[in-house]
Amino acid sequence: MNVTVLQFPGTNCEFDTQYAFKRLNQNVTILWHEETALPENTDLVVVPGGFSYGDYLRSGAIARFSPVMQAVKAFAEKGGYVLGICNGFQILLESHLLPGAMKRNENLHFVSKHHWLKVENRDNRFLSKCEAGELLNIPIAHAEGNYFIEEEGLKALWDNGQVLLTYCDEAGNPANPNGSVDNIAGICNKERNVFGLMPHPERAMEDVLGSDDGVKMLEGLCS
């Protein structure tokens, strides 16, 4: 499989993401944001974490206008798989490839730690290697991870099975680190080919790093 990882000014997780997918024996290309086309053989686009454009204005709000995002939108509209991690999730929201918006964390502080997640829906390629209700220990690192969507849109997310991951404690009870509505940590679009999450599965690929739960998450996209 051929994975294209985007790179913006301020991105800092592109090489972590490259490393993660190479560990899964995938071919990885890092693509600068000024490119207007994706490599022809692209199977998956990953919009990685970091601080694109220094998070000025609003996280992801400037990156959405980068030339490469038009190619990403066209790729997604044709059914291509897209994964946005942390700042990448914010960029997908700002680009309207996913519904909702991000606000500052409820406590107004940057949060960086491992946090438990519950798999709410595995009926999608991303989490197909996981079990429904499974708990995953994945790092988070963000200041604007407070996911918000209005009531009607929230109901649609649940009704359509678009809520993929929620924040919890190690026993599976709700434990919200940022104030996200309904403890939401990750979602997908209705077509189930665009995925976004705030936690960093690419930082959970080896036990020595505290967890390898990210392996089974990313493996689903490689199958």
C-alpha atoms as a PDB file:
ATOM      1  CA  MET A   1       0.000   0.000   0.000  1.00  0.00           C
ATOM      2  CA  ASN A   2       1.152   3.524  -0.773  1.00  0.00           C
ATOM      3  CA  VAL A   3       0.706   6.122   1.967  1.00  0.00           C
ATOM      4  CA  THR A   4       1.104   9.852   1.336  1.00  0.00           C
ATOM      5  CA  VAL A   5       1.808  11.930   4.450  1.00  0.00           C
ATOM      6  CA  LEU A   6       1.269  15.688   4.104  1.00  0.00           C
ATOM      7  CA  GLN A   7       3.730  18.234   5.448  1.00  0.00           C
ATOM      8  CA  PHE A   8       2.875  21.842   6.287  1.00  0.00           C
ATOM      9  CA  PRO A   9       5.012  24.578   7.878  1.00  0.00           C
ATOM     10  CA  GLY A  10       4.870  23.675  11.562  1.00  0.00           C
ATOM     11  CA  THR A  11       4.008  19.988  11.104  1.00  0.00           C
ATOM     12  CA  ASN A  12       6.008  17.902  13.583  1.00  0.00           C
ATOM     13  CA  CYS A  13       4.572  14.382  13.354  1.00  0.00           C
ATOM     14  CA  GLU A  14       5.225  13.552   9.709  1.00  0.00           C
ATOM     15  CA  PHE A  15       8.310  11.477  10.480  1.00  0.00           C
ATOM     16  CA  ASP A  16       6.609   9.668  13.376  1.00  0.00           C
ATOM     17  CA  THR A  17       3.803   8.825  10.964  1.00  0.00           C
ATOM     18  CA  GLN A  18       6.258   7.708   8.296  1.00  0.00           C
ATOM     19  CA  TYR A  19       7.998   5.469  10.838  1.00  0.00           C
ATOM     20  CA  ALA A  20       4.694   3.956  11.984  1.00  0.00           C
ATOM     21  CA  PHE A  21       3.539   2.965   8.522  1.00  0.00           C
ATOM     22  CA  LYS A  22       6.971   1.691   7.535  1.00  0.00           C
ATOM     23  CA  ARG A  23       6.824  -0.585  10.588  1.00  0.00           C
ATOM     24  CA  LEU A  24       3.662  -1.946   9.002  1.00  0.00           C
ATOM     25  CA  ASN A  25       5.601  -2.563   5.747  1.00  0.00           C
ATOM     26  CA  GLN A  26       3.880   0.174   3.759  1.00  0.00           C
ATOM     27  CA  ASN A  27       5.438   2.540   1.212  1.00  0.00           C
ATOM     28  CA  VAL A  28       5.430   6.123   2.516  1.00  0.00           C
ATOM     29  CA  THR A  29       5.894   9.435   0.695  1.00  0.00           C
ATOM     30  CA  ILE A  30       6.058  12.778   2.522  1.00  0.00           C
ATOM     31  CA  LEU A  31       4.435  15.486   0.396  1.00  0.00           C
ATOM     32  CA  TRP A  32       5.013  19.238   0.844  1.00  0.00           C
ATOM     33  CA  HIS A  33       1.834  21.292   1.120  1.00  0.00           C
ATOM     34  CA  GLU A  34       2.547  23.419  -1.966  1.00  0.00           C
ATOM     35  CA  GLU A  35       2.140  20.432  -4.285  1.00  0.00           C
ATOM     36  CA  THR A  36      -1.085  20.516  -6.283  1.00  0.00           C
ATOM     37  CA  ALA A  37      -1.423  16.785  -6.907  1.00  0.00           C
ATOM     38  CA  LEU A  38      -1.040  13.597  -4.921  1.00  0.00           C
ATOM     39  CA  PRO A  39       1.267  10.833  -6.152  1.00  0.00           C
ATOM     40  CA  GLU A  40      -0.718   8.797  -8.680  1.00  0.00           C
ATOM     41  CA  ASN A  41      -0.372   5.565  -6.707  1.00  0.00           C
ATOM     42  CA  THR A  42      -1.703   6.991  -3.419  1.00  0.00           C
ATOM     43  CA  ASP A  43      -3.959   4.589  -1.478  1.00  0.00           C
ATOM     44  CA  LEU A  44      -4.124   6.543   1.774  1.00  0.00           C
ATOM     45  CA  VAL A  45      -3.532  10.205   2.653  1.00  0.00           C
ATOM     46  CA  VAL A  46      -2.519  11.006   6.220  1.00  0.00           C
ATOM     47  CA  VAL A  47      -2.744  14.569   7.526  1.00  0.00           C
ATOM     48  CA  PRO A  48      -0.426  14.347  10.543  1.00  0.00           C
ATOM     49  CA  GLY A  49      -0.199  16.224  13.817  1.00  0.00           C
ATOM     50  CA  GLY A  50       1.780  19.310  14.713  1.00  0.00           C
ATOM     51  CA  PHE A  51       1.133  23.032  14.598  1.00  0.00           C
ATOM     52  CA  SER A  52       0.507  23.886  10.950  1.00  0.00           C
ATOM     53  CA  TYR A  53       1.240  27.575  10.387  1.00  0.00           C
ATOM     54  CA  GLY A  54       1.947  27.879  14.120  1.00  0.00           C
ATOM     55  CA  ASP A  55      -1.772  27.433  14.915  1.00  0.00           C
ATOM     56  CA  TYR A  56      -2.242  31.109  14.136  1.00  0.00           C
ATOM     57  CA  LEU A  57      -5.828  32.271  13.673  1.00  0.00           C
ATOM     58  CA  ARG A  58      -7.294  28.831  14.524  1.00  0.00           C
ATOM     59  CA  SER A  59      -5.757  25.370  14.412  1.00  0.00           C
ATOM     60  CA  GLY A  60      -5.985  24.114  10.840  1.00  0.00           C
ATOM     61  CA  ALA A  61      -7.700  27.254   9.576  1.00  0.00           C
ATOM     62  CA  ILE A  62      -4.799  28.380   7.381  1.00  0.00           C
ATOM     63  CA  ALA A  63      -3.657  24.909   6.279  1.00  0.00           C
ATOM     64  CA  ARG A  64      -7.059  24.264   4.703  1.00  0.00           C
ATOM     65  CA  PHE A  65      -6.110  26.794   1.994  1.00  0.00           C
ATOM     66  CA  SER A  66      -2.821  25.052   1.077  1.00  0.00           C
ATOM     67  CA  PRO A  67      -2.745  23.920  -2.573  1.00  0.00           C
ATOM     68  CA  VAL A  68      -2.501  20.227  -1.688  1.00  0.00           C
ATOM     69  CA  MET A  69      -5.850  20.271   0.131  1.00  0.00           C
ATOM     70  CA  GLN A  70      -7.761  20.622  -3.131  1.00  0.00           C
ATOM     71  CA  ALA A  71      -6.174  17.378  -4.257  1.00  0.00           C
ATOM     72  CA  VAL A  72      -7.041  15.755  -0.923  1.00  0.00           C
ATOM     73  CA  LYS A  73     -10.676  16.835  -1.250  1.00  0.00           C
ATOM     74  CA  ALA A  74     -10.888  15.431  -4.774  1.00  0.00           C
ATOM     75  CA  PHE A  75      -9.254  12.193  -3.604  1.00  0.00           C
ATOM     76  CA  ALA A  76     -11.755  11.835  -0.743  1.00  0.00           C
ATOM     77  CA  GLU A  77     -14.732  12.622  -2.968  1.00  0.00           C
ATOM     78  CA  LYS A  78     -13.706   9.709  -5.209  1.00  0.00           C
ATOM     79  CA  GLY A  79     -13.685   7.368  -2.203  1.00  0.00           C
ATOM     80  CA  GLY A  80      -9.990   7.617  -1.332  1.00  0.00           C
ATOM     81  CA  TYR A  81      -9.047   6.993   2.294  1.00  0.00           C
ATOM     82  CA  VAL A  82      -7.946   9.970   4.395  1.00  0.00           C
ATOM     83  CA  LEU A  83      -6.788   9.949   8.026  1.00  0.00           C
ATOM     84  CA  GLY A  84      -6.326  13.124  10.072  1.00  0.00           C
ATOM     85  CA  ILE A  85      -4.443  12.879  13.365  1.00  0.00           C
ATOM     86  CA  CYS A  86      -4.620  15.717  15.933  1.00  0.00           C
ATOM     87  CA  ASN A  87      -3.804  18.856  13.901  1.00  0.00           C
ATOM     88  CA  GLY A  88      -4.718  16.756  10.868  1.00  0.00           C
ATOM     89  CA  PHE A  89      -8.162  16.213  12.359  1.00  0.00           C
ATOM     90  CA  GLN A  90      -8.455  19.964  12.898  1.00  0.00           C
ATOM     91  CA  ILE A  91      -7.496  20.568   9.256  1.00  0.00           C
ATOM     92  CA  LEU A  92     -10.130  18.088   8.033  1.00  0.00           C
ATOM     93  CA  LEU A  93     -12.762  19.876  10.134  1.00  0.00           C
ATOM     94  CA  GLU A  94     -11.729  23.287   8.794  1.00  0.00           C
ATOM     95  CA  SER A  95     -11.812  21.834   5.253  1.00  0.00           C
ATOM     96  CA  HIS A  96     -15.348  20.486   5.866  1.00  0.00           C
ATOM     97  CA  LEU A  97     -14.254  16.953   5.058  1.00  0.00           C
ATOM     98  CA  LEU A  98     -15.600  16.082   8.523  1.00  0.00           C
ATOM     99  CA  PRO A  99     -18.444  17.737  10.473  1.00  0.00           C
ATOM    100  CA  GLY A 100     -18.017  19.820  13.610  1.00  0.00           C
ATOM    101  CA  ALA A 101     -15.333  22.115  14.982  1.00  0.00           C
ATOM    102  CA  MET A 102     -12.579  22.293  17.589  1.00  0.00           C
ATOM    103  CA  LYS A 103     -12.446  24.631  20.557  1.00  0.00           C
ATOM    104  CA  ARG A 104      -9.797  25.268  23.184  1.00  0.00           C
ATOM    105  CA  ASN A 105      -9.544  22.605  25.860  1.00  0.00           C
ATOM    106  CA  GLU A 106     -12.054  23.227  28.609  1.00  0.00           C
ATOM    107  CA  ASN A 107      -9.310  23.946  31.157  1.00  0.00           C
ATOM    108  CA  LEU A 108      -7.440  26.170  28.640  1.00  0.00           C
ATOM    109  CA  HIS A 109      -4.231  24.145  29.128  1.00  0.00           C
ATOM    110  CA  PHE A 110      -2.196  22.027  26.731  1.00  0.00           C
ATOM    111  CA  VAL A 111      -2.625  18.371  27.703  1.00  0.00           C
ATOM    112  CA  SER A 112       0.022  15.733  26.918  1.00  0.00           C
ATOM    113  CA  LYS A 113      -0.263  12.200  28.315  1.00  0.00           C
ATOM    114  CA  HIS A 114      -1.445   8.688  27.558  1.00  0.00           C
ATOM    115  CA  HIS A 115      -5.214   8.408  27.712  1.00  0.00           C
ATOM    116  CA  TRP A 116      -7.661   5.539  27.373  1.00  0.00           C
ATOM    117  CA  LEU A 117     -10.082   5.339  24.455  1.00  0.00           C
ATOM    118  CA  LYS A 118     -13.134   3.159  23.908  1.00  0.00           C
ATOM    119  CA  VAL A 119     -13.913   1.762  20.459  1.00  0.00           C
ATOM    120  CA  GLU A 120     -17.514   2.778  19.797  1.00  0.00           C
ATOM    121  CA  ASN A 121     -17.778   1.476  16.242  1.00  0.00           C
ATOM    122  CA  ARG A 122     -15.472  -0.948  14.403  1.00  0.00           C
ATOM    123  CA  ASP A 123     -17.680  -1.119  11.292  1.00  0.00           C
ATOM    124  CA  ASN A 124     -15.118   0.829   9.295  1.00  0.00           C
ATOM    125  CA  ARG A 125     -11.725   0.127   7.781  1.00  0.00           C
ATOM    126  CA  PHE A 126      -9.786   2.213  10.305  1.00  0.00           C
ATOM    127  CA  LEU A 127     -10.821   0.236  13.392  1.00  0.00           C
ATOM    128  CA  SER A 128     -11.610  -3.068  11.706  1.00  0.00           C
ATOM    129  CA  LYS A 129      -8.802  -4.816  13.625  1.00  0.00           C
ATOM    130  CA  CYS A 130     -10.267  -3.710  16.959  1.00  0.00           C
ATOM    131  CA  GLU A 131     -13.259  -5.047  18.877  1.00  0.00           C
ATOM    132  CA  ALA A 132     -16.361  -3.055  19.740  1.00  0.00           C
ATOM    133  CA  GLY A 133     -15.938  -1.769  23.277  1.00  0.00           C
ATOM    134  CA  GLU A 134     -12.194  -2.446  23.260  1.00  0.00           C
ATOM    135  CA  LEU A 135     -10.049  -0.086  25.338  1.00  0.00           C
ATOM    136  CA  LEU A 136      -6.899   1.410  23.805  1.00  0.00           C
ATOM    137  CA  ASN A 137      -4.120   3.336  25.544  1.00  0.00           C
ATOM    138  CA  ILE A 138      -3.019   6.101  23.161  1.00  0.00           C
ATOM    139  CA  PRO A 139      -1.098   9.382  23.727  1.00  0.00           C
ATOM    140  CA  ILE A 140      -2.845  12.725  23.398  1.00  0.00           C
ATOM    141  CA  ALA A 141      -1.121  16.106  22.958  1.00  0.00           C
ATOM    142  CA  HIS A 142      -3.266  19.127  22.163  1.00  0.00           C
ATOM    143  CA  ALA A 143      -4.545  22.499  23.319  1.00  0.00           C
ATOM    144  CA  GLU A 144      -7.559  22.635  20.978  1.00  0.00           C
ATOM    145  CA  GLY A 145      -9.056  19.168  21.266  1.00  0.00           C
ATOM    146  CA  ASN A 146     -12.489  20.131  22.566  1.00  0.00           C
ATOM    147  CA  TYR A 147     -14.678  18.703  19.790  1.00  0.00           C
ATOM    148  CA  PHE A 148     -18.029  20.422  19.289  1.00  0.00           C
ATOM    149  CA  ILE A 149     -21.000  19.889  17.042  1.00  0.00           C
ATOM    150  CA  GLU A 150     -24.522  21.217  17.445  1.00  0.00           C
ATOM    151  CA  GLU A 151     -27.267  18.929  18.796  1.00  0.00           C
ATOM    152  CA  GLU A 152     -28.770  17.866  15.471  1.00  0.00           C
ATOM    153  CA  GLY A 153     -25.370  17.053  14.017  1.00  0.00           C
ATOM    154  CA  LEU A 154     -24.376  15.145  17.163  1.00  0.00           C
ATOM    155  CA  LYS A 155     -27.470  12.980  16.924  1.00  0.00           C
ATOM    156  CA  ALA A 156     -26.688  12.273  13.266  1.00  0.00           C
ATOM    157  CA  LEU A 157     -23.146  11.197  14.154  1.00  0.00           C
ATOM    158  CA  TRP A 158     -24.422   8.618  16.631  1.00  0.00           C
ATOM    159  CA  ASP A 159     -27.314   7.497  14.426  1.00  0.00           C
ATOM    160  CA  ASN A 160     -24.987   6.956  11.464  1.00  0.00           C
ATOM    161  CA  GLY A 161     -22.295   5.192  13.477  1.00  0.00           C
ATOM    162  CA  GLN A 162     -19.809   7.983  12.782  1.00  0.00           C
ATOM    163  CA  VAL A 163     -18.575   8.255  16.388  1.00  0.00           C
ATOM    164  CA  LEU A 164     -15.622   5.874  16.404  1.00  0.00           C
ATOM    165  CA  LEU A 165     -13.752   6.601  19.633  1.00  0.00           C
ATOM    166  CA  THR A 166     -14.589   8.166  22.991  1.00  0.00           C
ATOM    167  CA  TYR A 167     -12.385   9.141  25.930  1.00  0.00           C
ATOM    168  CA  CYS A 168     -12.570   6.900  29.000  1.00  0.00           C
ATOM    169  CA  ASP A 169     -10.584   5.612  31.969  1.00  0.00           C
ATOM    170  CA  GLU A 170      -8.888   2.216  32.180  1.00  0.00           C
ATOM    171  CA  ALA A 171     -12.166   0.659  33.340  1.00  0.00           C
ATOM    172  CA  GLY A 172     -14.066   2.056  30.344  1.00  0.00           C
ATOM    173  CA  ASN A 173     -15.910   4.763  32.260  1.00  0.00           C
ATOM    174  CA  PRO A 174     -16.196   8.203  30.625  1.00  0.00           C
ATOM    175  CA  ALA A 175     -13.136  10.364  31.404  1.00  0.00           C
ATOM    176  CA  ASN A 176     -12.926  13.533  29.363  1.00  0.00           C
ATOM    177  CA  PRO A 177      -9.533  15.328  29.144  1.00  0.00           C
ATOM    178  CA  ASN A 178     -10.623  18.338  27.089  1.00  0.00           C
ATOM    179  CA  GLY A 179     -14.395  18.904  27.285  1.00  0.00           C
ATOM    180  CA  SER A 180     -15.336  17.267  23.967  1.00  0.00           C
ATOM    181  CA  VAL A 181     -19.068  16.825  23.523  1.00  0.00           C
ATOM    182  CA  ASP A 182     -20.120  13.277  24.477  1.00  0.00           C
ATOM    183  CA  ASN A 183     -16.434  12.499  25.184  1.00  0.00           C
ATOM    184  CA  ILE A 184     -15.785  12.180  21.440  1.00  0.00           C
ATOM    185  CA  ALA A 185     -12.173  11.441  20.477  1.00  0.00           C
ATOM    186  CA  GLY A 186     -12.591  10.348  16.846  1.00  0.00           C
ATOM    187  CA  ILE A 187     -15.175  10.339  14.059  1.00  0.00           C
ATOM    188  CA  CYS A 188     -15.585   9.510  10.378  1.00  0.00           C
ATOM    189  CA  ASN A 189     -17.687  10.813   7.509  1.00  0.00           C
ATOM    190  CA  LYS A 190     -20.921   9.152   6.377  1.00  0.00           C
ATOM    191  CA  GLU A 191     -19.099   7.315   3.604  1.00  0.00           C
ATOM    192  CA  ARG A 192     -16.555   5.903   6.092  1.00  0.00           C
ATOM    193  CA  ASN A 193     -13.502   6.831   4.071  1.00  0.00           C
ATOM    194  CA  VAL A 194     -12.406   9.994   5.958  1.00  0.00           C
ATOM    195  CA  PHE A 195     -11.325   9.570   9.574  1.00  0.00           C
ATOM    196  CA  GLY A 196     -10.228  12.053  12.215  1.00  0.00           C
ATOM    197  CA  LEU A 197      -9.034  11.649  15.786  1.00  0.00           C
ATOM    198  CA  MET A 198      -7.172  13.766  18.322  1.00  0.00           C
ATOM    199  CA  PRO A 199      -5.077  10.952  19.918  1.00  0.00           C
ATOM    200  CA  HIS A 200      -1.801   9.873  18.266  1.00  0.00           C
ATOM    201  CA  PRO A 201      -1.772   6.176  17.269  1.00  0.00           C
ATOM    202  CA  GLU A 202       1.558   6.709  15.477  1.00  0.00           C
ATOM    203  CA  ARG A 203       3.120   7.342  18.897  1.00  0.00           C
ATOM    204  CA  ALA A 204       1.856   4.005  20.244  1.00  0.00           C
ATOM    205  CA  MET A 205       3.628   1.522  17.996  1.00  0.00           C
ATOM    206  CA  GLU A 206       5.978  -0.116  20.531  1.00  0.00           C
ATOM    207  CA  ASP A 207       5.677  -1.250  24.143  1.00  0.00           C
ATOM    208  CA  VAL A 208       8.859   0.645  25.013  1.00  0.00           C
ATOM    209  CA  LEU A 209       6.939   3.873  24.296  1.00  0.00           C
ATOM    210  CA  GLY A 210       4.212   2.935  26.771  1.00  0.00           C
ATOM    211  CA  SER A 211       1.791   1.189  24.429  1.00  0.00           C
ATOM    212  CA  ASP A 212       1.591  -0.556  21.071  1.00  0.00           C
ATOM    213  CA  ASP A 213      -2.184  -0.179  20.780  1.00  0.00           C
ATOM    214  CA  GLY A 214      -1.689   2.119  17.801  1.00  0.00           C
ATOM    215  CA  VAL A 215      -0.577  -0.851  15.703  1.00  0.00           C
ATOM    216  CA  LYS A 216      -4.009  -2.437  15.410  1.00  0.00           C
ATOM    217  CA  MET A 217      -5.570   0.952  14.671  1.00  0.00           C
ATOM    218  CA  LEU A 218      -3.308   1.714  11.729  1.00  0.00           C
ATOM    219  CA  GLU A 219      -3.248  -1.910  10.541  1.00  0.00           C
ATOM    220  CA  GLY A 220      -6.896  -1.630   9.613  1.00  0.00           C
ATOM    221  CA  LEU A 221      -6.100   0.996   7.011  1.00  0.00           C
ATOM    222  CA  CYS A 222      -3.384  -1.247   5.559  1.00  0.00           C
ATOM    223  CA  SER A 223      -5.621  -4.264   5.014  1.00  0.00           C
END
